[in-house]
């Protein structure tokens, strides 16, 4: 059968979706495609190049959101599409925040994101833009890895967050009753179990809100004008 880098990446993605990156091998991909393992090396030289192909195939899906007329709408669309892609391909989150992704689709997403952020009122220089991109990336990577880790843990243990908290209830109650952790106690007793998607969107918009306010070099927002 005719092979291509795109077909190899698609097969690798199917296997990684099913078994994770640890279960990915040239032999398994070759079997999935019905060819001998050595044929794959005519298209992909090593595992690192294979992962780059897989990642860029996912970025192709993210890139489909394109540019919106307003910077904030563009960033929201890209980041929410990134979350959707990571939830569909959990291994993708494992590769976020590591070495730079420089495939054509990854670069297109990076360009769209940076171009949108450069239009935010609080971004007035390239230094501001670097910080904005860094803050957004840090949030996305951290939030997605945490959410996916919780999903994996729930699957592997058969215990969701609520059940885990209930199991630790007696110990936690004893610790909180010491009175040494009043704020933690408030979070545990009064805090609701927040919806993951809603929380992700809320925290994302909080970050974007911060980019709408110009700041001086110290990072402090300018003082409002004093009344006459």
N, C-alpha and C. Protein backbone atom coordinates (compact mmCIF):
# COMPACT_ATOMS: atom_id res chain seq x y z
N UNK A 1 0.85 -1.19 0.00
CA UNK A 1 0.00 0.00 0.00
C UNK A 1 0.88 1.24 0.00
N UNK A 2 0.46 2.33 -0.65
CA UNK A 2 1.27 3.55 -0.64
C UNK A 2 1.27 4.17 0.76
N UNK A 3 2.45 4.57 1.19
CA UNK A 3 2.58 5.21 2.50
C UNK A 3 2.82 6.70 2.33
N UNK A 4 2.61 7.44 3.40
CA UNK A 4 2.94 8.85 3.44
C UNK A 4 3.16 9.23 4.89
N UNK A 5 3.80 10.33 5.10
CA UNK A 5 4.01 10.80 6.48
C UNK A 5 2.68 11.07 7.18
N UNK A 6 1.70 11.58 6.41
CA UNK A 6 0.39 11.85 7.00
C UNK A 6 -0.29 10.56 7.46
N UNK A 7 -0.19 9.49 6.65
CA UNK A 7 -0.81 8.21 7.03
C UNK A 7 -0.12 7.61 8.24
N UNK A 8 1.19 7.74 8.30
CA UNK A 8 1.93 7.23 9.44
C UNK A 8 1.55 7.99 10.71
N UNK A 9 1.45 9.32 10.61
CA UNK A 9 1.06 10.12 11.76
C UNK A 9 -0.34 9.76 12.23
N UNK A 10 -1.27 9.57 11.28
CA UNK A 10 -2.64 9.23 11.64
C UNK A 10 -2.70 7.89 12.36
N UNK A 11 -1.94 6.91 11.88
CA UNK A 11 -1.91 5.61 12.54
C UNK A 11 -1.31 5.72 13.93
N UNK A 12 -0.24 6.49 14.06
CA UNK A 12 0.40 6.68 15.36
C UNK A 12 -0.56 7.37 16.35
N UNK A 13 -1.33 8.32 15.85
CA UNK A 13 -2.30 9.01 16.71
C UNK A 13 -3.36 8.04 17.20
N UNK A 14 -3.85 7.19 16.33
CA UNK A 14 -4.86 6.20 16.75
C UNK A 14 -4.31 5.31 17.85
N UNK A 15 -3.08 4.87 17.71
CA UNK A 15 -2.47 4.00 18.72
C UNK A 15 -2.23 4.75 20.02
N UNK A 16 -1.74 5.99 19.93
CA UNK A 16 -1.49 6.78 21.13
C UNK A 16 -2.79 7.10 21.86
N UNK A 17 -3.86 7.35 21.10
CA UNK A 17 -5.16 7.59 21.73
C UNK A 17 -5.61 6.37 22.53
N UNK A 18 -5.31 5.20 22.02
CA UNK A 18 -5.75 3.96 22.67
C UNK A 18 -4.85 3.56 23.82
N UNK A 19 -3.52 3.69 23.64
CA UNK A 19 -2.58 3.12 24.60
C UNK A 19 -1.61 4.12 25.21
N UNK A 20 -1.69 5.39 24.82
CA UNK A 20 -0.75 6.37 25.34
C UNK A 20 0.57 6.32 24.60
N UNK A 21 1.43 7.28 24.89
CA UNK A 21 2.72 7.34 24.20
C UNK A 21 3.63 6.18 24.58
N UNK A 22 3.47 5.67 25.80
CA UNK A 22 4.32 4.55 26.23
C UNK A 22 4.05 3.29 25.41
N UNK A 23 2.84 3.19 24.88
CA UNK A 23 2.50 2.00 24.10
C UNK A 23 2.77 2.15 22.62
N UNK A 24 3.41 3.27 22.25
CA UNK A 24 3.65 3.55 20.84
C UNK A 24 5.00 2.97 20.40
N UNK A 25 5.02 2.27 19.30
CA UNK A 25 6.27 1.72 18.76
C UNK A 25 6.18 1.63 17.25
N UNK A 26 7.34 1.59 16.61
CA UNK A 26 7.38 1.45 15.16
C UNK A 26 6.72 0.15 14.73
N UNK A 27 6.96 -0.91 15.48
CA UNK A 27 6.39 -2.21 15.13
C UNK A 27 4.86 -2.16 15.15
N UNK A 28 4.28 -1.50 16.17
CA UNK A 28 2.82 -1.42 16.26
C UNK A 28 2.25 -0.56 15.14
N UNK A 29 2.93 0.53 14.83
CA UNK A 29 2.45 1.40 13.74
C UNK A 29 2.49 0.64 12.42
N UNK A 30 3.58 -0.09 12.19
CA UNK A 30 3.71 -0.86 10.95
C UNK A 30 2.59 -1.90 10.85
N UNK A 31 2.30 -2.57 11.96
CA UNK A 31 1.22 -3.56 11.97
C UNK A 31 -0.12 -2.91 11.66
N UNK A 32 -0.34 -1.72 12.24
CA UNK A 32 -1.58 -0.98 12.00
C UNK A 32 -1.73 -0.65 10.51
N UNK A 33 -0.62 -0.37 9.86
CA UNK A 33 -0.64 0.01 8.45
C UNK A 33 -0.48 -1.18 7.51
N UNK A 34 -0.19 -2.34 8.07
CA UNK A 34 -0.05 -3.54 7.25
C UNK A 34 1.22 -3.58 6.43
N UNK A 35 2.31 -3.03 6.98
CA UNK A 35 3.59 -3.03 6.27
C UNK A 35 4.69 -3.51 7.21
N UNK A 36 5.86 -3.74 6.67
CA UNK A 36 7.01 -4.11 7.49
C UNK A 36 7.56 -2.89 8.21
N UNK A 37 8.08 -3.07 9.44
CA UNK A 37 8.58 -1.93 10.21
C UNK A 37 9.63 -1.11 9.49
N UNK A 38 10.51 -1.75 8.72
CA UNK A 38 11.60 -1.01 8.07
C UNK A 38 11.08 -0.02 7.03
N UNK A 39 9.89 -0.25 6.50
CA UNK A 39 9.35 0.68 5.50
C UNK A 39 9.09 2.06 6.10
N UNK A 40 8.79 2.09 7.39
CA UNK A 40 8.47 3.38 8.02
C UNK A 40 9.68 4.30 8.05
N UNK A 41 10.88 3.72 8.10
CA UNK A 41 12.08 4.55 8.20
C UNK A 41 12.39 5.28 6.90
N UNK A 42 11.69 4.95 5.84
CA UNK A 42 11.83 5.73 4.61
C UNK A 42 11.11 7.07 4.73
N UNK A 43 10.24 7.18 5.74
CA UNK A 43 9.42 8.39 5.89
C UNK A 43 9.69 9.12 7.21
N UNK A 44 10.02 8.37 8.26
CA UNK A 44 10.25 8.95 9.59
C UNK A 44 11.55 8.36 10.14
N UNK A 45 12.50 9.21 10.45
CA UNK A 45 13.82 8.70 10.83
C UNK A 45 13.92 8.22 12.27
N UNK A 46 13.13 8.81 13.17
CA UNK A 46 13.23 8.41 14.58
C UNK A 46 11.93 8.78 15.31
N UNK A 47 11.86 8.40 16.58
CA UNK A 47 10.66 8.63 17.38
C UNK A 47 10.38 10.13 17.55
N UNK A 48 11.45 10.91 17.71
CA UNK A 48 11.27 12.35 17.89
C UNK A 48 10.57 12.97 16.69
N UNK A 49 10.97 12.57 15.50
CA UNK A 49 10.33 13.09 14.29
C UNK A 49 8.89 12.61 14.19
N UNK A 50 8.63 11.39 14.62
CA UNK A 50 7.27 10.86 14.62
C UNK A 50 6.38 11.69 15.55
N UNK A 51 6.88 11.98 16.74
CA UNK A 51 6.09 12.79 17.68
C UNK A 51 5.81 14.17 17.11
N UNK A 52 6.80 14.74 16.43
CA UNK A 52 6.59 16.06 15.80
C UNK A 52 5.46 16.00 14.77
N UNK A 53 5.43 14.93 13.99
CA UNK A 53 4.37 14.77 13.00
C UNK A 53 3.01 14.65 13.66
N UNK A 54 2.94 13.86 14.73
CA UNK A 54 1.68 13.66 15.44
C UNK A 54 1.18 14.98 16.04
N UNK A 55 2.09 15.69 16.68
CA UNK A 55 1.72 16.97 17.30
C UNK A 55 1.23 17.95 16.26
N UNK A 56 1.91 18.02 15.12
CA UNK A 56 1.51 19.00 14.12
C UNK A 56 0.17 18.63 13.49
N UNK A 57 -0.14 17.33 13.44
CA UNK A 57 -1.45 16.92 12.94
C UNK A 57 -2.56 17.40 13.87
N UNK A 58 -2.29 17.41 15.17
CA UNK A 58 -3.28 17.94 16.12
C UNK A 58 -3.38 19.45 15.98
N UNK A 59 -2.24 20.11 15.80
CA UNK A 59 -2.27 21.56 15.61
C UNK A 59 -3.04 21.95 14.35
N UNK A 60 -3.06 21.07 13.36
CA UNK A 60 -3.83 21.36 12.15
C UNK A 60 -5.30 21.55 12.49
N UNK A 61 -5.79 20.74 13.42
CA UNK A 61 -7.18 20.87 13.87
C UNK A 61 -7.39 22.19 14.61
N UNK A 62 -6.42 22.55 15.44
CA UNK A 62 -6.54 23.80 16.21
C UNK A 62 -6.50 25.00 15.27
N UNK A 63 -5.66 24.91 14.24
CA UNK A 63 -5.49 26.03 13.31
C UNK A 63 -6.75 26.34 12.52
N UNK A 64 -7.68 25.39 12.48
CA UNK A 64 -8.91 25.60 11.71
C UNK A 64 -9.76 26.74 12.23
N UNK A 65 -9.55 27.16 13.49
CA UNK A 65 -10.40 28.23 14.03
C UNK A 65 -10.10 29.56 13.34
N UNK A 66 -8.87 29.74 12.84
CA UNK A 66 -8.55 30.95 12.11
C UNK A 66 -8.56 32.21 12.96
N UNK A 67 -8.56 33.34 12.29
CA UNK A 67 -8.54 34.65 12.95
C UNK A 67 -9.95 35.22 13.02
N UNK A 68 -10.29 35.81 14.17
CA UNK A 68 -11.54 36.54 14.32
C UNK A 68 -11.26 38.03 14.19
N UNK A 69 -12.30 38.80 14.09
CA UNK A 69 -12.10 40.24 13.92
C UNK A 69 -11.62 40.91 15.20
N UNK A 70 -11.84 40.29 16.33
CA UNK A 70 -11.46 40.88 17.62
C UNK A 70 -10.45 39.97 18.30
N UNK A 71 -9.39 40.56 18.86
CA UNK A 71 -8.26 39.77 19.38
C UNK A 71 -8.69 38.78 20.45
N UNK A 72 -9.57 39.21 21.34
CA UNK A 72 -9.98 38.36 22.45
C UNK A 72 -10.73 37.12 21.93
N UNK A 73 -11.60 37.31 20.94
CA UNK A 73 -12.34 36.19 20.37
C UNK A 73 -11.40 35.18 19.72
N UNK A 74 -10.34 35.68 19.10
CA UNK A 74 -9.36 34.78 18.47
C UNK A 74 -8.67 33.93 19.52
N UNK A 75 -8.21 34.56 20.60
CA UNK A 75 -7.50 33.82 21.65
C UNK A 75 -8.43 32.80 22.31
N UNK A 76 -9.65 33.20 22.60
CA UNK A 76 -10.60 32.28 23.22
C UNK A 76 -10.85 31.07 22.33
N UNK A 77 -11.02 31.31 21.04
CA UNK A 77 -11.29 30.21 20.11
C UNK A 77 -10.11 29.26 20.04
N UNK A 78 -8.90 29.80 19.95
CA UNK A 78 -7.71 28.95 19.85
C UNK A 78 -7.51 28.13 21.11
N UNK A 79 -7.64 28.76 22.26
CA UNK A 79 -7.37 28.06 23.51
C UNK A 79 -8.44 27.00 23.78
N UNK A 80 -9.69 27.31 23.52
CA UNK A 80 -10.74 26.31 23.74
C UNK A 80 -10.60 25.15 22.75
N UNK A 81 -10.18 25.44 21.52
CA UNK A 81 -9.95 24.35 20.56
C UNK A 81 -8.75 23.50 21.01
N UNK A 82 -7.76 24.14 21.61
CA UNK A 82 -6.61 23.41 22.15
C UNK A 82 -7.06 22.46 23.25
N UNK A 83 -7.93 22.95 24.13
CA UNK A 83 -8.45 22.07 25.20
C UNK A 83 -9.23 20.91 24.61
N UNK A 84 -10.09 21.18 23.63
CA UNK A 84 -10.85 20.10 22.99
C UNK A 84 -9.92 19.05 22.40
N UNK A 85 -8.86 19.50 21.72
CA UNK A 85 -7.92 18.58 21.10
C UNK A 85 -7.19 17.75 22.15
N UNK A 86 -6.81 18.39 23.24
CA UNK A 86 -6.09 17.67 24.29
C UNK A 86 -6.98 16.65 24.99
N UNK A 87 -8.27 16.94 25.14
CA UNK A 87 -9.17 15.98 25.76
C UNK A 87 -9.44 14.80 24.83
N UNK A 88 -9.39 15.04 23.53
CA UNK A 88 -9.55 13.95 22.57
C UNK A 88 -8.27 13.13 22.41
N UNK A 89 -7.13 13.79 22.58
CA UNK A 89 -5.83 13.14 22.42
C UNK A 89 -5.01 13.46 23.67
N UNK A 90 -5.21 12.71 24.74
CA UNK A 90 -4.63 13.06 26.03
C UNK A 90 -3.11 13.13 25.98
N UNK A 91 -2.48 12.33 25.15
CA UNK A 91 -1.02 12.35 25.02
C UNK A 91 -0.51 13.71 24.55
N UNK A 92 -1.36 14.46 23.86
CA UNK A 92 -0.96 15.77 23.35
C UNK A 92 -0.55 16.69 24.51
N UNK A 93 -1.28 16.61 25.62
CA UNK A 93 -0.96 17.45 26.77
C UNK A 93 0.40 17.09 27.36
N UNK A 94 0.80 15.81 27.24
CA UNK A 94 2.10 15.40 27.75
C UNK A 94 3.24 16.07 26.99
N UNK A 95 2.98 16.49 25.76
CA UNK A 95 4.01 17.07 24.92
C UNK A 95 3.95 18.59 24.88
N UNK A 96 2.97 19.18 25.54
CA UNK A 96 2.88 20.63 25.62
C UNK A 96 3.87 21.15 26.66
N UNK A 97 4.47 22.29 26.36
CA UNK A 97 5.37 22.91 27.33
C UNK A 97 6.76 22.30 27.35
N UNK A 98 7.03 21.33 26.49
CA UNK A 98 8.37 20.74 26.44
C UNK A 98 9.18 21.51 25.39
N UNK A 99 9.78 20.80 24.45
CA UNK A 99 10.54 21.50 23.41
C UNK A 99 9.59 22.23 22.48
N UNK A 100 10.05 23.30 21.83
CA UNK A 100 9.16 24.08 20.96
C UNK A 100 8.58 23.23 19.83
N UNK A 101 7.34 23.50 19.50
CA UNK A 101 6.69 22.83 18.37
C UNK A 101 6.81 23.75 17.16
N UNK A 102 7.52 23.29 16.14
CA UNK A 102 7.87 24.14 15.01
C UNK A 102 7.33 23.64 13.68
N UNK A 103 6.38 22.71 13.72
CA UNK A 103 5.75 22.27 12.49
C UNK A 103 4.92 23.40 11.88
N UNK A 104 4.55 23.29 10.62
CA UNK A 104 3.83 24.39 9.96
C UNK A 104 2.51 24.75 10.63
N UNK A 105 1.77 23.76 11.09
CA UNK A 105 0.49 24.07 11.74
C UNK A 105 0.69 24.63 13.14
N UNK A 106 1.70 24.12 13.84
CA UNK A 106 2.01 24.67 15.17
C UNK A 106 2.44 26.13 15.04
N UNK A 107 3.26 26.42 14.03
CA UNK A 107 3.69 27.80 13.81
C UNK A 107 2.51 28.69 13.43
N UNK A 108 1.56 28.15 12.67
CA UNK A 108 0.38 28.93 12.29
C UNK A 108 -0.44 29.28 13.51
N UNK A 109 -0.61 28.31 14.43
CA UNK A 109 -1.35 28.58 15.66
C UNK A 109 -0.59 29.60 16.52
N UNK A 110 0.73 29.44 16.59
CA UNK A 110 1.53 30.39 17.35
C UNK A 110 1.44 31.79 16.78
N UNK A 111 1.45 31.90 15.45
CA UNK A 111 1.33 33.21 14.80
C UNK A 111 -0.03 33.84 15.08
N UNK A 112 -1.08 33.06 14.96
CA UNK A 112 -2.43 33.59 15.20
C UNK A 112 -2.58 34.05 16.65
N UNK A 113 -2.03 33.28 17.58
CA UNK A 113 -2.14 33.63 18.99
C UNK A 113 -1.35 34.89 19.30
N UNK A 114 -0.11 34.94 18.85
CA UNK A 114 0.72 36.10 19.13
C UNK A 114 0.18 37.35 18.45
N UNK A 115 -0.30 37.21 17.22
CA UNK A 115 -0.85 38.36 16.50
C UNK A 115 -2.08 38.91 17.23
N UNK A 116 -2.91 38.00 17.76
CA UNK A 116 -4.09 38.45 18.50
C UNK A 116 -3.67 39.14 19.79
N UNK A 117 -2.76 38.53 20.55
CA UNK A 117 -2.33 39.12 21.81
C UNK A 117 -1.66 40.47 21.61
N UNK A 118 -0.98 40.65 20.47
CA UNK A 118 -0.30 41.92 20.22
C UNK A 118 -1.30 43.07 20.08
N UNK A 119 -2.57 42.75 19.86
CA UNK A 119 -3.60 43.78 19.73
C UNK A 119 -4.28 44.12 21.06
N UNK A 120 -3.93 43.40 22.13
CA UNK A 120 -4.54 43.68 23.44
C UNK A 120 -4.09 45.04 23.93
N UNK A 121 -4.98 45.81 24.56
CA UNK A 121 -4.63 47.16 25.00
C UNK A 121 -3.42 47.22 25.93
N UNK A 122 -3.22 46.16 26.73
CA UNK A 122 -2.11 46.17 27.67
C UNK A 122 -0.80 45.71 27.08
N UNK A 123 -0.78 45.35 25.82
CA UNK A 123 0.44 44.88 25.16
C UNK A 123 0.95 45.99 24.25
N UNK A 124 2.02 46.66 24.70
CA UNK A 124 2.49 47.83 23.98
C UNK A 124 3.90 47.67 23.43
N UNK A 125 4.56 46.59 23.74
CA UNK A 125 5.93 46.38 23.27
C UNK A 125 6.16 44.89 23.07
N UNK A 126 7.29 44.55 22.48
CA UNK A 126 7.59 43.13 22.28
C UNK A 126 7.81 42.43 23.61
N UNK A 127 8.32 43.17 24.61
CA UNK A 127 8.47 42.58 25.94
C UNK A 127 7.11 42.23 26.53
N UNK A 128 6.15 43.15 26.37
CA UNK A 128 4.79 42.87 26.84
C UNK A 128 4.23 41.63 26.14
N UNK A 129 4.49 41.55 24.84
CA UNK A 129 3.96 40.42 24.07
C UNK A 129 4.58 39.11 24.53
N UNK A 130 5.90 39.11 24.78
CA UNK A 130 6.55 37.90 25.27
C UNK A 130 5.94 37.45 26.60
N UNK A 131 5.70 38.40 27.48
CA UNK A 131 5.12 38.05 28.78
C UNK A 131 3.69 37.54 28.62
N UNK A 132 2.94 38.16 27.73
CA UNK A 132 1.56 37.73 27.52
C UNK A 132 1.50 36.31 26.96
N UNK A 133 2.33 36.04 25.95
CA UNK A 133 2.38 34.69 25.38
C UNK A 133 2.82 33.69 26.44
N UNK A 134 3.82 34.05 27.23
CA UNK A 134 4.31 33.15 28.27
C UNK A 134 3.26 32.86 29.32
N UNK A 135 2.54 33.89 29.75
CA UNK A 135 1.51 33.69 30.77
C UNK A 135 0.38 32.82 30.24
N UNK A 136 -0.02 33.05 29.01
CA UNK A 136 -1.09 32.25 28.42
C UNK A 136 -0.64 30.79 28.26
N UNK A 137 0.56 30.58 27.76
CA UNK A 137 1.06 29.22 27.59
C UNK A 137 1.15 28.50 28.93
N UNK A 138 1.64 29.18 29.95
CA UNK A 138 1.77 28.56 31.27
C UNK A 138 0.40 28.13 31.81
N UNK A 139 -0.59 28.99 31.62
CA UNK A 139 -1.94 28.62 32.07
C UNK A 139 -2.46 27.42 31.31
N UNK A 140 -2.36 27.44 29.98
CA UNK A 140 -2.91 26.37 29.16
C UNK A 140 -2.25 25.03 29.51
N UNK A 141 -0.93 25.02 29.56
CA UNK A 141 -0.21 23.78 29.85
C UNK A 141 -0.59 23.25 31.24
N UNK A 142 -0.55 24.12 32.23
CA UNK A 142 -0.86 23.69 33.60
C UNK A 142 -2.29 23.21 33.76
N UNK A 143 -3.23 23.96 33.19
CA UNK A 143 -4.64 23.61 33.34
C UNK A 143 -4.95 22.29 32.64
N UNK A 144 -4.44 22.11 31.44
CA UNK A 144 -4.74 20.90 30.68
C UNK A 144 -4.08 19.68 31.31
N UNK A 145 -2.85 19.83 31.74
CA UNK A 145 -2.18 18.68 32.37
C UNK A 145 -2.89 18.27 33.66
N UNK A 146 -3.33 19.23 34.42
CA UNK A 146 -4.04 18.90 35.66
C UNK A 146 -5.36 18.20 35.35
N UNK A 147 -6.12 18.75 34.40
CA UNK A 147 -7.42 18.15 34.09
C UNK A 147 -7.26 16.73 33.55
N UNK A 148 -6.29 16.53 32.70
CA UNK A 148 -6.09 15.20 32.11
C UNK A 148 -5.53 14.23 33.13
N UNK A 149 -4.67 14.71 34.02
CA UNK A 149 -4.17 13.84 35.09
C UNK A 149 -5.32 13.37 35.98
N UNK A 150 -6.25 14.25 36.27
CA UNK A 150 -7.41 13.86 37.08
C UNK A 150 -8.27 12.83 36.35
N UNK A 151 -8.43 13.01 35.05
CA UNK A 151 -9.20 12.03 34.26
C UNK A 151 -8.52 10.67 34.26
N UNK A 152 -7.22 10.67 34.08
CA UNK A 152 -6.49 9.40 34.06
C UNK A 152 -6.55 8.72 35.43
N UNK A 153 -6.42 9.50 36.47
CA UNK A 153 -6.46 8.92 37.82
C UNK A 153 -7.82 8.32 38.11
N UNK A 154 -8.87 9.03 37.69
CA UNK A 154 -10.23 8.51 37.91
C UNK A 154 -10.42 7.19 37.16
N UNK A 155 -9.89 7.10 35.95
CA UNK A 155 -10.02 5.86 35.17
C UNK A 155 -9.23 4.71 35.79
N UNK A 156 -7.99 5.01 36.20
CA UNK A 156 -7.11 3.94 36.68
C UNK A 156 -7.51 3.43 38.06
N UNK A 157 -8.11 4.30 38.86
CA UNK A 157 -8.48 3.90 40.23
C UNK A 157 -9.96 3.61 40.38
N UNK A 158 -10.76 4.05 39.39
CA UNK A 158 -12.21 3.91 39.52
C UNK A 158 -12.78 4.86 40.55
N UNK A 159 -12.01 5.88 40.90
CA UNK A 159 -12.41 6.83 41.94
C UNK A 159 -12.36 8.24 41.41
N UNK A 160 -13.49 8.95 41.43
CA UNK A 160 -13.47 10.34 40.98
C UNK A 160 -13.09 11.24 42.15
N UNK A 161 -13.04 12.54 41.90
CA UNK A 161 -12.60 13.49 42.92
C UNK A 161 -13.48 13.42 44.16
N UNK A 162 -14.78 13.35 43.97
CA UNK A 162 -15.71 13.31 45.11
C UNK A 162 -15.48 12.07 45.96
N UNK A 163 -15.30 10.93 45.31
CA UNK A 163 -15.07 9.69 46.05
C UNK A 163 -13.73 9.72 46.78
N UNK A 164 -12.73 10.29 46.14
CA UNK A 164 -11.41 10.42 46.77
C UNK A 164 -11.49 11.30 48.01
N UNK A 165 -12.23 12.41 47.91
CA UNK A 165 -12.39 13.30 49.05
C UNK A 165 -13.14 12.60 50.18
N UNK A 166 -14.15 11.81 49.81
CA UNK A 166 -14.92 11.09 50.83
C UNK A 166 -14.04 10.08 51.56
N UNK A 167 -13.16 9.41 50.82
CA UNK A 167 -12.28 8.42 51.44
C UNK A 167 -11.33 9.07 52.43
N UNK A 168 -10.91 10.28 52.13
CA UNK A 168 -10.00 10.99 53.02
C UNK A 168 -10.73 11.81 54.07
N UNK A 169 -12.07 11.74 54.06
CA UNK A 169 -12.87 12.58 54.94
C UNK A 169 -12.48 12.54 56.41
N UNK A 170 -12.39 11.36 57.03
CA UNK A 170 -12.06 11.31 58.48
C UNK A 170 -10.72 11.98 58.80
N UNK A 171 -9.71 11.68 58.01
CA UNK A 171 -8.40 12.30 58.25
C UNK A 171 -8.48 13.81 58.08
N UNK A 172 -9.11 14.25 56.97
CA UNK A 172 -9.17 15.68 56.69
C UNK A 172 -9.96 16.40 57.77
N UNK A 173 -11.03 15.79 58.23
CA UNK A 173 -11.83 16.40 59.30
C UNK A 173 -10.99 16.62 60.55
N UNK A 174 -10.21 15.61 60.93
CA UNK A 174 -9.36 15.75 62.12
C UNK A 174 -8.36 16.89 61.95
N UNK A 175 -7.75 16.99 60.77
CA UNK A 175 -6.76 18.03 60.55
C UNK A 175 -7.39 19.42 60.57
N UNK A 176 -8.55 19.55 59.94
CA UNK A 176 -9.20 20.87 59.88
C UNK A 176 -9.72 21.30 61.24
N UNK A 177 -10.09 20.33 62.07
CA UNK A 177 -10.61 20.66 63.40
C UNK A 177 -9.53 21.21 64.33
N UNK A 178 -8.26 21.09 63.93
CA UNK A 178 -7.19 21.69 64.73
C UNK A 178 -7.25 23.21 64.68
N UNK A 179 -7.90 23.75 63.69
CA UNK A 179 -8.00 25.20 63.56
C UNK A 179 -6.78 25.85 62.93
N UNK A 180 -5.81 25.03 62.50
CA UNK A 180 -4.59 25.60 61.92
C UNK A 180 -4.73 25.94 60.44
N UNK A 181 -5.81 25.48 59.82
CA UNK A 181 -5.96 25.66 58.38
C UNK A 181 -7.34 26.25 58.05
N UNK A 182 -7.64 27.45 58.56
CA UNK A 182 -9.00 27.99 58.41
C UNK A 182 -9.40 28.26 56.95
N UNK A 183 -8.46 28.71 56.13
CA UNK A 183 -8.81 29.00 54.74
C UNK A 183 -9.01 27.72 53.95
N UNK A 184 -8.16 26.71 54.22
CA UNK A 184 -8.35 25.41 53.59
C UNK A 184 -9.69 24.82 54.01
N UNK A 185 -10.04 24.98 55.28
CA UNK A 185 -11.32 24.47 55.78
C UNK A 185 -12.48 25.13 55.05
N UNK A 186 -12.36 26.42 54.80
CA UNK A 186 -13.43 27.12 54.09
C UNK A 186 -13.58 26.57 52.68
N UNK A 187 -12.44 26.31 52.01
CA UNK A 187 -12.49 25.76 50.66
C UNK A 187 -13.14 24.38 50.65
N UNK A 188 -12.79 23.56 51.64
CA UNK A 188 -13.31 22.19 51.68
C UNK A 188 -14.78 22.16 52.05
N UNK A 189 -15.16 22.94 53.05
CA UNK A 189 -16.53 22.88 53.57
C UNK A 189 -17.50 23.66 52.70
N UNK A 190 -17.11 24.86 52.30
CA UNK A 190 -18.03 25.73 51.58
C UNK A 190 -17.86 25.69 50.06
N UNK A 191 -16.72 25.22 49.59
CA UNK A 191 -16.45 25.24 48.16
C UNK A 191 -17.24 24.17 47.42
N UNK A 192 -17.72 24.52 46.26
CA UNK A 192 -18.47 23.58 45.43
C UNK A 192 -17.50 22.82 44.52
N UNK A 193 -17.96 21.69 44.00
CA UNK A 193 -17.17 20.95 43.00
C UNK A 193 -17.41 21.62 41.65
N UNK A 194 -16.44 22.41 41.20
CA UNK A 194 -16.62 23.25 40.03
C UNK A 194 -16.53 22.44 38.74
N UNK A 195 -17.32 22.85 37.76
CA UNK A 195 -17.28 22.23 36.44
C UNK A 195 -15.95 22.57 35.77
N UNK A 196 -15.30 21.56 35.20
CA UNK A 196 -13.95 21.75 34.64
C UNK A 196 -13.96 22.74 33.49
N UNK A 197 -14.92 22.61 32.58
CA UNK A 197 -14.94 23.51 31.41
C UNK A 197 -15.24 24.94 31.82
N UNK A 198 -16.18 25.10 32.73
CA UNK A 198 -16.53 26.45 33.19
C UNK A 198 -15.35 27.10 33.92
N UNK A 199 -14.66 26.32 34.75
CA UNK A 199 -13.51 26.84 35.48
C UNK A 199 -12.39 27.22 34.52
N UNK A 200 -12.15 26.38 33.53
CA UNK A 200 -11.12 26.68 32.52
C UNK A 200 -11.43 28.00 31.84
N UNK A 201 -12.67 28.19 31.43
CA UNK A 201 -13.06 29.42 30.72
C UNK A 201 -12.93 30.63 31.66
N UNK A 202 -13.35 30.48 32.90
CA UNK A 202 -13.28 31.59 33.86
C UNK A 202 -11.83 32.02 34.07
N UNK A 203 -10.95 31.06 34.29
CA UNK A 203 -9.55 31.40 34.53
C UNK A 203 -8.89 31.97 33.28
N UNK A 204 -9.27 31.47 32.12
CA UNK A 204 -8.75 32.01 30.87
C UNK A 204 -9.16 33.46 30.69
N UNK A 205 -10.43 33.76 30.91
CA UNK A 205 -10.89 35.14 30.74
C UNK A 205 -10.27 36.07 31.78
N UNK A 206 -9.96 35.54 32.96
CA UNK A 206 -9.28 36.36 33.97
C UNK A 206 -7.91 36.79 33.47
N UNK A 207 -7.20 35.88 32.82
CA UNK A 207 -5.90 36.22 32.26
C UNK A 207 -6.05 37.27 31.15
N UNK A 208 -7.03 37.06 30.28
CA UNK A 208 -7.23 38.02 29.19
C UNK A 208 -7.66 39.38 29.71
N UNK A 209 -8.43 39.40 30.79
CA UNK A 209 -8.80 40.68 31.41
C UNK A 209 -7.56 41.48 31.81
N UNK A 210 -6.55 40.76 32.31
CA UNK A 210 -5.33 41.43 32.73
C UNK A 210 -4.56 42.05 31.58
N UNK A 211 -4.80 41.56 30.36
CA UNK A 211 -4.09 42.10 29.20
C UNK A 211 -4.80 43.32 28.60
N UNK A 212 -5.94 43.66 29.14
CA UNK A 212 -6.66 44.81 28.60
C UNK A 212 -6.28 46.10 29.31
N UNK A 213 -5.46 45.99 30.34
CA UNK A 213 -5.13 47.17 31.14
C UNK A 213 -3.66 47.53 30.97
N UNK A 214 -3.36 48.68 30.39
CA UNK A 214 -1.95 49.09 30.25
C UNK A 214 -1.28 49.23 31.61
N UNK A 215 0.02 48.90 31.68
CA UNK A 215 0.78 48.99 32.92
C UNK A 215 2.09 49.73 32.66
N UNK A 216 2.67 50.28 33.75
CA UNK A 216 3.97 50.91 33.59
C UNK A 216 5.06 49.84 33.69
N UNK A 217 6.29 50.24 33.68
CA UNK A 217 7.38 49.27 33.65
C UNK A 217 7.45 48.42 34.91
N UNK A 218 6.91 48.91 35.99
CA UNK A 218 6.91 48.14 37.23
C UNK A 218 5.84 47.06 37.23
N UNK A 219 4.95 47.11 36.23
CA UNK A 219 3.86 46.14 36.18
C UNK A 219 2.62 46.62 36.91
N UNK A 220 2.66 47.85 37.45
CA UNK A 220 1.52 48.38 38.19
C UNK A 220 0.62 49.17 37.24
N UNK A 221 -0.70 48.94 37.28
CA UNK A 221 -1.59 49.72 36.43
C UNK A 221 -1.49 51.20 36.77
N UNK A 222 -1.61 52.06 35.78
CA UNK A 222 -1.55 53.50 36.08
C UNK A 222 -2.70 53.91 36.98
N UNK A 223 -2.42 54.86 37.86
CA UNK A 223 -3.44 55.34 38.79
C UNK A 223 -4.53 56.07 38.03
N UNK A 224 -5.79 55.93 38.45
CA UNK A 224 -6.86 56.66 37.79
C UNK A 224 -6.68 58.16 37.99
N UNK A 225 -7.17 58.96 37.05
CA UNK A 225 -7.02 60.42 37.19
C UNK A 225 -7.73 60.92 38.44
N UNK A 226 -7.10 61.85 39.11
CA UNK A 226 -7.69 62.43 40.33
C UNK A 226 -8.79 63.41 39.94
N UNK A 227 -9.86 63.42 40.72
CA UNK A 227 -10.95 64.35 40.40
C UNK A 227 -10.47 65.80 40.54
N UNK A 228 -11.00 66.65 39.70
CA UNK A 228 -10.63 68.07 39.75
C UNK A 228 -11.14 68.68 41.04
